[in-house]
Amino acid sequence: MKPQIFEPSQALAEFVKCYWTLESPQEKTPTRNTIVPDGCMKLIFHYGAPYKHHLNSKESITLPKCFLIGQLTKPYEVEPTGRTGTFFVCFYPNGFVPFATIPVKEMENTAVPLKKLLANEVTSLTDLAYENEYFDQAHFIKDFKEFTGLTPKEFYGDDLKMSLIFENKI
């Protein structure tokens, strides 16, 4: 296992406690992990195999590749399904509140898919462009491609391709 912890920039230090990554082949990762409540919400990007969340001793669900885990009030049991490759943004207990698009209480003990968090805030890429004062499609596409290495159509074509960002394949 290769965990790494990074401090946030000054601009985000009020909201973000830390960033961390974890990489490990399946054979070196514990079969099940229990996440204990710590008051922090975590934005999680799995660029390795997905994880399962055990609802009880008989039921489990596969977690999305990109999601926010709400504040936990009870232990949360997870299990890797293969190689672990994870990037976390760990928010302070109230750090995610300014960014929340749905009530924090509704996210408690829940893995909220990134698409659901974004869907409530931005209805389209065009709305996002206008909100950020892009009034010329060509200018937006140029800046987007400079940042991501792909056009918006290529980037959003396969469900955000966030995993590629963290694997440095873009």
Protein backbone atom coordinates (compact mmCIF):
# COMPACT_ATOMS: atom_id res chain seq x y z
CA MET A 1 0.00 0.00 0.00
CA LYS A 2 1.27 3.44 -0.94
CA PRO A 3 -0.75 6.13 0.87
CA GLN A 4 0.23 9.77 0.35
CA ILE A 5 -1.23 12.81 2.10
CA PHE A 6 -1.13 16.34 0.68
CA GLU A 7 -2.05 19.66 2.25
CA PRO A 8 -4.53 21.93 0.46
CA SER A 9 -3.60 25.31 -0.98
CA GLN A 10 -4.15 28.38 1.21
CA ALA A 11 -7.27 29.23 -0.82
CA LEU A 12 -8.94 25.92 0.15
CA ALA A 13 -7.40 25.33 3.60
CA GLU A 14 -10.53 26.67 5.30
CA PHE A 15 -12.63 23.92 3.68
CA VAL A 16 -10.28 21.03 2.87
CA LYS A 17 -8.45 19.15 5.60
CA CYS A 18 -6.22 17.21 3.20
CA TYR A 19 -5.97 15.27 -0.04
CA TRP A 20 -4.76 11.75 -0.10
CA THR A 21 -4.12 8.93 -2.48
CA LEU A 22 -3.93 5.23 -1.92
CA GLU A 23 -2.61 2.66 -4.36
CA SER A 24 -2.34 -1.03 -3.70
CA PRO A 25 -2.67 -4.33 -5.55
CA GLN A 26 -5.68 -6.35 -4.37
CA GLU A 27 -3.53 -8.96 -2.64
CA LYS A 28 -1.99 -6.27 -0.38
CA THR A 29 -5.28 -4.56 0.49
CA PRO A 30 -7.36 -5.77 3.46
CA THR A 31 -10.41 -7.75 2.34
CA ARG A 32 -12.76 -5.43 4.17
CA ASN A 33 -12.15 -1.98 5.58
CA THR A 34 -14.28 -0.21 8.15
CA ILE A 35 -14.46 3.55 7.82
CA VAL A 36 -15.19 5.03 11.22
CA PRO A 37 -17.18 8.27 11.61
CA ASP A 38 -14.89 11.30 11.86
CA GLY A 39 -17.30 14.12 10.96
CA CYS A 40 -15.63 14.73 7.59
CA MET A 41 -17.23 14.44 4.18
CA LYS A 42 -15.01 12.95 1.49
CA LEU A 43 -15.02 13.39 -2.28
CA ILE A 44 -13.68 10.10 -3.65
CA PHE A 45 -12.38 9.23 -7.11
CA HIS A 46 -11.61 5.55 -7.76
CA TYR A 47 -9.21 5.19 -10.68
CA GLY A 48 -8.58 1.58 -9.77
CA ALA A 49 -11.20 -1.12 -9.40
CA PRO A 50 -14.48 -0.09 -7.76
CA TYR A 51 -15.29 -0.78 -4.14
CA LYS A 52 -18.33 -2.49 -2.65
CA HIS A 53 -20.18 -1.13 0.36
CA HIS A 54 -21.59 -3.78 2.69
CA LEU A 55 -25.06 -2.74 3.81
CA ASN A 56 -25.27 -5.68 6.21
CA SER A 57 -23.87 -9.22 6.48
CA LYS A 58 -25.75 -10.39 3.35
CA GLU A 59 -26.12 -7.35 1.06
CA SER A 60 -23.64 -5.13 -0.70
CA ILE A 61 -23.68 -2.52 -3.46
CA THR A 62 -20.96 -1.41 -5.86
CA LEU A 63 -19.95 2.17 -5.20
CA PRO A 64 -19.70 4.67 -8.08
CA LYS A 65 -16.24 5.51 -9.43
CA CYS A 66 -16.66 9.17 -8.37
CA PHE A 67 -18.80 10.15 -5.37
CA LEU A 68 -19.10 12.14 -2.17
CA ILE A 69 -19.48 10.19 1.05
CA GLY A 70 -21.70 12.12 3.44
CA GLN A 71 -20.95 12.53 7.11
CA LEU A 72 -20.95 9.15 8.80
CA THR A 73 -22.87 8.49 11.99
CA LYS A 74 -22.01 4.79 12.01
CA PRO A 75 -19.21 2.57 10.70
CA TYR A 76 -19.18 2.18 6.91
CA GLU A 77 -17.82 -1.14 5.65
CA VAL A 78 -16.17 -1.31 2.21
CA GLU A 79 -14.34 -3.95 0.21
CA PRO A 80 -12.09 -3.56 -2.83
CA THR A 81 -12.99 -5.60 -5.93
CA GLY A 82 -9.48 -5.42 -7.39
CA ARG A 83 -6.49 -3.09 -7.50
CA THR A 84 -6.93 0.00 -5.33
CA GLY A 85 -6.30 3.39 -6.87
CA THR A 86 -8.07 6.18 -4.98
CA PHE A 87 -7.89 9.97 -4.69
CA PHE A 88 -9.72 11.57 -1.75
CA VAL A 89 -10.56 15.14 -0.89
CA CYS A 90 -11.22 15.18 2.84
CA PHE A 91 -13.32 18.20 3.88
CA TYR A 92 -13.48 19.60 7.40
CA PRO A 93 -16.80 18.79 9.15
CA ASN A 94 -18.48 21.93 7.75
CA GLY A 95 -16.09 22.36 4.82
CA PHE A 96 -18.35 20.94 2.14
CA VAL A 97 -21.41 22.97 3.16
CA PRO A 98 -20.61 25.96 0.86
CA PHE A 99 -20.37 23.59 -2.12
CA ALA A 100 -23.40 21.41 -1.33
CA THR A 101 -26.15 21.33 -3.94
CA ILE A 102 -28.36 19.04 -1.89
CA PRO A 103 -28.98 19.20 1.88
CA VAL A 104 -26.07 17.76 3.87
CA LYS A 105 -28.50 15.75 6.02
CA GLU A 106 -29.68 13.87 2.89
CA MET A 107 -26.09 12.75 2.24
CA GLU A 108 -25.53 11.31 5.72
CA ASN A 109 -24.12 7.74 5.58
CA THR A 110 -24.57 7.80 1.79
CA ALA A 111 -22.34 7.67 -1.28
CA VAL A 112 -23.71 10.41 -3.54
CA PRO A 113 -22.60 10.00 -7.18
CA LEU A 114 -20.70 12.98 -8.57
CA LYS A 115 -23.23 13.25 -11.41
CA LYS A 116 -26.02 13.81 -8.88
CA LEU A 117 -24.06 16.54 -7.10
CA LEU A 118 -23.34 18.32 -10.38
CA ALA A 119 -26.79 17.75 -11.91
CA ASN A 120 -28.49 19.87 -9.27
CA GLU A 121 -26.14 22.79 -9.85
CA VAL A 122 -25.46 22.87 -13.59
CA THR A 123 -27.97 21.66 -16.13
CA SER A 124 -25.63 21.75 -19.12
CA LEU A 125 -22.10 22.48 -20.22
CA THR A 126 -23.46 25.60 -21.92
CA ASP A 127 -24.83 26.87 -18.57
CA LEU A 128 -21.45 26.21 -16.98
CA ALA A 129 -19.71 28.18 -19.73
CA TYR A 130 -22.07 31.16 -19.34
CA GLU A 131 -21.72 31.12 -15.55
CA ASN A 132 -17.96 31.49 -16.03
CA GLU A 133 -18.32 34.36 -18.51
CA TYR A 134 -17.57 32.42 -21.70
CA PHE A 135 -19.77 33.92 -24.38
CA ASP A 136 -17.81 32.48 -27.29
CA GLN A 137 -17.91 28.72 -27.83
CA ALA A 138 -14.52 28.61 -29.54
CA HIS A 139 -12.84 30.39 -26.59
CA PHE A 140 -14.43 27.99 -24.09
CA ILE A 141 -13.40 24.92 -26.11
CA LYS A 142 -9.84 26.24 -26.48
CA ASP A 143 -9.45 26.82 -22.72
CA PHE A 144 -11.15 23.53 -21.87
CA LYS A 145 -8.83 21.60 -24.18
CA GLU A 146 -5.77 23.41 -22.81
CA PHE A 147 -6.74 22.36 -19.28
CA THR A 148 -7.88 18.77 -19.94
CA GLY A 149 -6.17 17.84 -23.20
CA LEU A 150 -9.55 16.98 -24.71
CA THR A 151 -12.49 18.82 -26.22
CA PRO A 152 -15.62 18.98 -24.01
CA LYS A 153 -17.30 16.38 -26.26
CA GLU A 154 -14.34 13.99 -25.92
CA PHE A 155 -14.07 14.58 -22.16
CA TYR A 156 -17.76 14.03 -21.33
CA GLY A 157 -18.16 11.20 -23.82
CA ASP A 158 -17.44 8.39 -21.34
CA ASP A 159 -18.91 9.60 -18.04
CA LEU A 160 -16.47 12.41 -17.20
CA LYS A 161 -13.28 10.35 -17.58
CA MET A 162 -12.17 11.62 -14.17
CA SER A 163 -10.14 8.48 -13.62
CA LEU A 164 -7.91 9.39 -16.56
CA ILE A 165 -6.96 12.67 -14.92
CA PHE A 166 -5.59 10.85 -11.89
CA GLU A 167 -3.83 8.22 -14.00
CA ASN A 168 -2.09 10.99 -16.00
CA LYS A 169 -3.34 9.58 -19.31
CA ILE A 170 -4.81 12.85 -20.53
